[in-house]
Protein backbone atom coordinates (compact mmCIF):
# COMPACT_ATOMS: atom_id res chain seq x y z
CA MET A 1 -14.00 -47.37 -11.11
CA SER A 2 -10.36 -47.90 -10.31
CA LEU A 3 -7.70 -44.62 -10.65
CA GLU A 4 -4.70 -46.17 -12.02
CA LEU A 5 -1.75 -43.86 -10.52
CA PRO A 6 1.35 -44.11 -12.30
CA SER A 7 4.46 -46.11 -11.40
CA GLY A 8 7.47 -43.83 -8.54
CA PRO A 9 6.34 -40.87 -6.61
CA LEU A 10 5.51 -38.37 -8.67
CA VAL A 11 2.62 -37.77 -10.58
CA GLU A 12 2.76 -34.73 -13.78
CA THR A 13 0.09 -31.97 -14.41
CA ASP A 14 -1.03 -33.26 -17.28
CA TRP A 15 -2.00 -36.42 -15.75
CA LEU A 16 -3.58 -34.45 -12.67
CA ALA A 17 -5.93 -32.35 -15.25
CA ALA A 18 -6.65 -35.58 -17.57
CA HIS A 19 -8.20 -36.99 -13.81
CA LEU A 20 -10.22 -34.80 -12.25
CA GLY A 21 -12.78 -34.96 -10.96
CA HIS A 22 -12.43 -38.92 -10.23
CA PRO A 23 -14.35 -40.18 -8.22
CA LYS A 24 -11.59 -41.32 -6.17
CA LEU A 25 -9.41 -38.82 -6.74
CA ARG A 26 -8.26 -36.47 -3.36
CA ILE A 27 -6.29 -33.78 -4.44
CA VAL A 28 -4.31 -32.18 -1.51
CA ASP A 29 -3.13 -28.42 -1.35
CA MET A 30 0.18 -28.61 1.41
CA ARG A 31 0.88 -25.38 0.90
CA GLY A 32 3.44 -23.81 4.27
CA THR A 33 6.11 -21.56 4.54
CA VAL A 34 9.07 -22.50 6.69
CA LEU A 35 11.32 -19.26 7.65
CA PRO A 36 15.26 -18.84 7.32
CA PRO A 37 17.24 -19.43 10.66
CA SER A 38 18.11 -16.03 10.90
CA ALA A 39 14.05 -14.45 11.70
CA PRO A 40 12.70 -14.59 15.08
CA LYS A 41 10.80 -17.57 15.68
CA PRO A 42 8.12 -19.45 15.64
CA HIS A 43 9.54 -20.18 12.16
CA TYR A 44 6.66 -22.72 10.75
CA PHE A 45 2.94 -21.38 8.79
CA ALA A 46 0.41 -23.06 7.08
CA ARG A 47 -0.66 -20.85 4.56
CA HIS A 48 -4.58 -21.80 4.24
CA ASP A 49 -5.43 -18.31 3.04
CA ASP A 50 -3.41 -18.87 -0.63
CA TYR A 51 -6.00 -22.14 -0.12
CA ALA A 52 -8.85 -20.78 0.27
CA ALA A 53 -7.99 -17.72 -2.51
CA GLY A 54 -7.19 -20.53 -5.71
CA HIS A 55 -6.57 -23.54 -5.81
CA ILE A 56 -6.74 -27.02 -8.11
CA PRO A 57 -10.60 -28.19 -8.05
CA GLY A 58 -10.97 -30.58 -6.00
CA ALA A 59 -8.31 -30.10 -3.77
CA VAL A 60 -8.62 -30.60 0.30
CA TYR A 61 -6.42 -28.02 2.68
CA ILE A 62 -3.83 -29.97 5.49
CA ASP A 63 -2.06 -27.98 7.66
CA TRP A 64 1.09 -29.40 7.55
CA THR A 65 1.77 -27.77 10.75
CA ARG A 66 -1.64 -29.11 12.45
CA ASP A 67 -3.61 -31.99 11.12
CA ILE A 68 -0.65 -35.11 10.37
CA VAL A 69 1.59 -33.82 13.73
CA ASP A 70 1.89 -34.68 17.36
CA LEU A 71 0.91 -31.43 19.13
CA ASP A 72 2.24 -32.75 22.84
CA ASP A 73 5.35 -33.79 21.42
CA PRO A 74 7.74 -31.06 22.40
CA THR A 75 10.07 -31.33 19.10
CA PRO A 76 8.13 -29.16 16.36
CA VAL A 77 6.50 -30.97 13.70
CA GLN A 78 6.94 -34.79 14.22
CA VAL A 79 4.33 -37.60 12.32
CA ALA A 80 0.68 -37.64 14.54
CA PRO A 81 0.33 -40.62 16.11
CA PRO A 82 -2.50 -42.88 14.31
CA ALA A 83 -5.34 -42.60 15.61
CA LYS A 84 -5.64 -37.86 15.08
CA ILE A 85 -3.72 -39.50 11.11
CA ALA A 86 -7.86 -41.50 10.82
CA GLU A 87 -9.44 -38.85 12.36
CA GLU A 88 -7.83 -36.15 9.80
CA LEU A 89 -8.29 -37.62 6.71
CA GLY A 90 -10.75 -39.67 7.43
CA LYS A 91 -13.12 -36.35 7.88
CA ARG A 92 -11.63 -35.14 4.67
CA GLY A 93 -12.64 -38.18 2.52
CA ILE A 94 -9.53 -40.05 2.50
CA GLY A 95 -10.11 -43.63 2.90
CA ASP A 96 -8.28 -46.71 2.47
CA ASP A 97 -9.66 -46.88 -1.38
CA CYS A 98 -8.07 -43.15 -2.60
CA VAL A 99 -5.82 -42.09 -4.85
CA VAL A 100 -4.03 -39.39 -3.04
CA VAL A 101 -1.62 -36.19 -4.78
CA ALA A 102 -0.57 -34.04 -2.86
CA TYR A 103 0.89 -30.05 -4.18
CA ASP A 104 2.38 -27.48 -2.67
CA ASP A 105 4.49 -24.65 -4.28
CA TRP A 106 7.79 -24.25 -2.43
CA TYR A 107 10.48 -27.38 -3.99
CA SER A 108 7.11 -29.87 -2.56
CA MET A 109 8.35 -30.04 0.47
CA PHE A 110 5.61 -30.22 2.43
CA ALA A 111 3.87 -32.82 -0.19
CA GLY A 112 6.20 -34.66 0.77
CA ARG A 113 5.68 -34.57 3.68
CA LEU A 114 2.63 -35.50 3.56
CA MET A 115 3.67 -38.88 1.54
CA TRP A 116 5.94 -39.74 3.62
CA VAL A 117 3.41 -39.63 6.63
CA LEU A 118 1.03 -41.78 4.26
CA ARG A 119 3.85 -44.21 3.04
CA TYR A 120 4.29 -44.53 7.18
CA TYR A 121 0.83 -45.15 7.80
CA GLY A 122 1.34 -47.67 5.09
CA PHE A 123 -0.74 -45.99 2.85
CA GLU A 124 0.92 -46.18 -1.72
CA GLN A 125 -1.49 -44.63 -3.42
CA VAL A 126 -0.05 -41.74 -3.14
CA ARG A 127 1.84 -38.77 -4.61
CA VAL A 128 4.00 -35.41 -5.18
CA LEU A 129 2.74 -33.60 -8.00
CA ASN A 130 5.65 -32.41 -10.05
CA GLY A 131 6.03 -28.50 -10.23
CA GLY A 132 3.35 -28.73 -7.79
CA MET A 133 1.07 -24.79 -6.96
CA VAL A 134 3.91 -23.10 -9.55
CA LYS A 135 3.59 -25.25 -13.09
CA TRP A 136 -0.57 -25.15 -12.93
CA VAL A 137 -0.63 -22.48 -12.92
CA ALA A 138 2.29 -21.47 -15.00
CA GLU A 139 0.79 -24.01 -17.71
CA GLY A 140 -3.28 -22.14 -17.23
CA ARG A 141 -4.19 -24.36 -15.53
CA PRO A 142 -7.68 -24.21 -13.50
CA LEU A 143 -8.14 -22.68 -9.64
CA THR A 144 -11.44 -22.67 -8.17
CA THR A 145 -12.70 -21.25 -4.51
CA GLU A 146 -14.97 -24.12 -3.85
CA VAL A 147 -14.06 -26.66 -1.01
CA PRO A 148 -15.00 -30.28 -1.44
CA ASP A 149 -16.90 -31.74 0.37
CA TYR A 150 -16.73 -35.48 0.37
CA PRO A 151 -18.11 -38.15 2.31
CA PRO A 152 -16.63 -38.96 5.48
CA ALA A 153 -13.83 -42.22 4.54
CA ILE A 154 -12.23 -44.97 6.37
CA PHE A 155 -8.19 -44.20 6.50
CA THR A 156 -7.02 -47.20 8.14
CA PRO A 157 -3.49 -46.58 9.99
CA ARG A 158 -0.41 -49.20 9.79
CA PRO A 159 2.51 -47.86 10.64
CA GLN A 160 5.36 -49.07 9.03
CA PRO A 161 8.92 -48.60 11.66
CA HIS A 162 11.15 -49.16 8.92
CA LEU A 163 9.98 -45.55 7.31
CA ARG A 164 10.61 -43.71 10.41
CA LYS A 165 13.89 -43.19 12.59
CA THR A 166 14.00 -42.11 16.19
CA ALA A 167 17.62 -40.36 17.76
CA ASP A 168 18.60 -43.33 19.73
CA GLN A 169 18.37 -45.07 16.58
CA VAL A 170 20.71 -42.79 14.73
CA LEU A 171 22.33 -42.10 17.48
CA GLN A 172 23.06 -46.78 16.94
CA ALA A 173 23.69 -46.80 14.09
CA LEU A 174 26.48 -44.10 13.80
CA GLY A 175 30.25 -46.26 12.94
CA SER A 176 27.75 -49.06 10.86
CA ASP A 177 27.73 -48.56 6.70
CA LEU A 178 23.71 -45.90 7.92
CA LEU A 179 24.35 -43.15 4.98
CA LEU A 180 23.11 -40.71 6.04
CA ILE A 181 21.65 -37.07 4.18
CA ASP A 182 21.31 -34.33 5.56
CA ALA A 183 19.30 -32.31 3.53
CA ARG A 184 19.81 -28.07 5.05
CA HIS A 185 21.66 -24.88 3.17
CA GLU A 186 25.31 -25.55 3.51
CA ARG A 187 25.38 -22.73 5.81
CA GLU A 188 23.39 -24.97 8.64
CA TYR A 189 24.84 -28.21 8.04
CA GLN A 190 28.41 -26.91 8.80
CA GLY A 191 27.15 -24.53 11.56
CA PHE A 192 27.56 -21.41 10.54
CA GLU A 193 23.69 -21.05 10.84
CA SER A 194 20.86 -23.14 13.06
CA ARG A 195 17.19 -23.64 14.19
CA ALA A 196 18.81 -24.92 17.21
CA ALA A 197 20.41 -24.61 20.61
CA ARG A 198 23.99 -26.33 18.32
CA GLY A 199 24.73 -25.82 14.89
CA GLY A 200 26.22 -28.64 13.40
CA HIS A 201 25.11 -31.76 11.46
CA ILE A 202 25.21 -34.89 12.58
CA PRO A 203 28.49 -37.08 12.68
CA GLY A 204 29.24 -38.47 9.15
CA ALA A 205 26.58 -36.60 7.39
CA ARG A 206 26.35 -35.75 3.30
CA ASN A 207 24.93 -33.09 2.54
CA VAL A 208 22.71 -32.83 -0.77
CA PHE A 209 20.57 -29.53 -0.13
CA TYR A 210 17.03 -30.21 -0.82
CA GLN A 211 16.76 -27.36 -3.35
CA SER A 212 19.43 -28.12 -5.37
CA LEU A 213 17.45 -31.34 -6.44
CA VAL A 214 15.26 -28.97 -8.78
CA SER A 215 15.23 -26.98 -12.14
CA GLY A 216 13.99 -24.19 -13.72
CA PRO A 217 10.44 -21.86 -13.23
CA HIS A 218 7.96 -24.10 -12.36
CA GLN A 219 10.31 -26.60 -9.94
CA THR A 220 10.36 -30.27 -11.23
CA TYR A 221 12.69 -32.70 -10.58
CA LEU A 222 16.12 -33.07 -12.68
CA SER A 223 16.93 -35.71 -15.01
CA PRO A 224 17.31 -38.82 -13.24
CA ASP A 225 21.28 -38.16 -15.20
CA GLN A 226 21.58 -34.95 -12.78
CA LEU A 227 19.91 -36.38 -9.57
CA ARG A 228 22.71 -38.67 -9.49
CA GLU A 229 24.89 -36.45 -9.82
CA ARG A 230 23.76 -33.97 -7.67
CA PHE A 231 24.63 -37.03 -4.85
CA LEU A 232 27.99 -38.05 -6.37
CA ALA A 233 28.97 -34.78 -5.58
CA ALA A 234 27.83 -34.98 -1.91
CA GLY A 235 30.21 -38.40 -1.93
CA ILE A 236 27.22 -40.51 -2.54
CA ASP A 237 27.12 -42.68 -5.51
CA PRO A 238 22.99 -44.35 -5.63
CA ASP A 239 23.99 -47.08 -6.99
CA ALA A 240 26.46 -48.53 -4.16
CA THR A 241 24.03 -48.09 -1.93
CA THR A 242 21.65 -51.00 -2.43
CA ASP A 243 22.74 -53.16 0.62
CA ARG A 244 22.78 -49.04 2.94
CA GLU A 245 20.33 -48.20 4.63
CA VAL A 246 19.60 -44.94 3.73
CA VAL A 247 18.12 -42.19 5.97
CA ALA A 248 17.17 -38.33 5.62
CA TYR A 249 17.01 -35.21 7.60
CA CYS A 250 16.61 -31.23 8.37
CA ASN A 251 15.42 -29.40 10.87
CA GLY A 252 12.13 -31.25 11.04
CA GLY A 253 11.34 -34.18 8.41
CA VAL A 254 10.24 -32.32 6.17
CA SER A 255 12.20 -30.36 3.67
CA ALA A 256 14.76 -34.39 3.86
CA THR A 257 11.86 -35.61 1.62
CA PRO A 258 12.46 -33.72 -1.49
CA THR A 259 15.86 -35.17 -1.22
CA ALA A 260 14.37 -38.74 -0.10
CA ILE A 261 12.19 -38.07 -3.24
CA ALA A 262 15.15 -37.49 -5.49
CA PHE A 263 16.95 -40.39 -4.05
CA GLU A 264 14.36 -42.99 -4.74
CA LEU A 265 13.84 -41.10 -8.25
CA VAL A 266 17.64 -41.53 -8.61
CA SER A 267 17.26 -45.38 -7.27
CA GLY A 268 13.98 -46.83 -7.27
CA ARG A 269 14.50 -47.25 -2.66
CA ARG A 270 13.14 -46.15 -0.07
CA VAL A 271 14.88 -43.23 2.20
CA ALA A 272 13.77 -43.63 5.47
CA ILE A 273 13.32 -39.94 7.61
CA TYR A 274 14.51 -39.19 10.87
CA ASP A 275 11.47 -37.46 11.99
CA GLY A 276 13.64 -34.57 15.17
CA SER A 277 15.96 -33.98 12.45
CA TRP A 278 18.18 -31.15 13.53
CA ASN A 279 15.12 -29.84 15.99
CA GLU A 280 15.75 -32.45 18.63
CA TRP A 281 19.60 -34.01 17.71
CA GLY A 282 20.62 -29.75 17.86
CA ASN A 283 18.90 -28.84 20.44
CA ASP A 284 20.32 -32.12 22.55
CA PRO A 285 24.03 -31.85 24.02
CA THR A 286 24.12 -35.10 25.14
CA LYS A 287 24.08 -36.28 21.36
CA PRO A 288 27.26 -36.17 19.72
CA LEU A 289 28.58 -33.42 15.86
CA GLU A 290 30.54 -32.33 13.65
CA ARG A 291 30.76 -28.64 12.32
CA ALA A 292 33.50 -26.83 9.66
CA GLU A 293 35.94 -24.65 11.64
CA ALA A 294 34.80 -21.08 11.62
CA SER A 295 37.00 -18.26 9.00
CA SER A 296 37.89 -15.22 9.83
CA GLY A 297 34.90 -14.22 7.79
CA GLU A 298 32.30 -15.82 10.35
């Protein structure tokens, strides 16, 4: 029995509710937390307890801080190598012939990260739930504490290098027609706050804060016209970038994914992620940066 996904990076709660229990469907709860830059480290946490307390029926849980990252990489939360991805997904019953819908309750950044990881490894049948757990609960839809037991599956990683950028690749492209989008808060972009040793942004990057791209109590994405206005306000014309490579970054390549999704909703184009993001760039004194001049109030 096949399952046809809507086009684009998102699915709506109505669609998911109508397909609960489909044998090909795998729902993934990605709920997590990122503390503000001013908080003591560590800043990154998974929220398995919230999953255990209640989740969308049929959902499995993935820990964004451990299950899909390379724990041996000195830069936090870098994408896991192929063998680990194959193991972690396979044991949850996520295989090559499945359809995946990911959700969280924080601006879709963790669900977006999973979608990017799956796309990076060549898996296209994945979508993010628009509004996530916030909208699902607000609509009074069902929750459960039951943990599904899917049979093991075979997930075959097929890396797509064009979707993941390294620091050296970004550095070499500076001064070209590369379009860099910084998805962090304006204060981080300007350099007044930072999770790294240095504050500021990659030279030439435009700032489009990921939380500015959703609206309302359900954290659903703005309309394409509204999203276009957000990008235009940052000096980015999505309709005039067809020949430019677009790369988004944040601190760890996670909150950059809602900004990448929004750009895709407007332009129909995929955005690459600089995986190391500011956690890497901001801690490397050899990398150039720009920052705002501190005012007397800073």
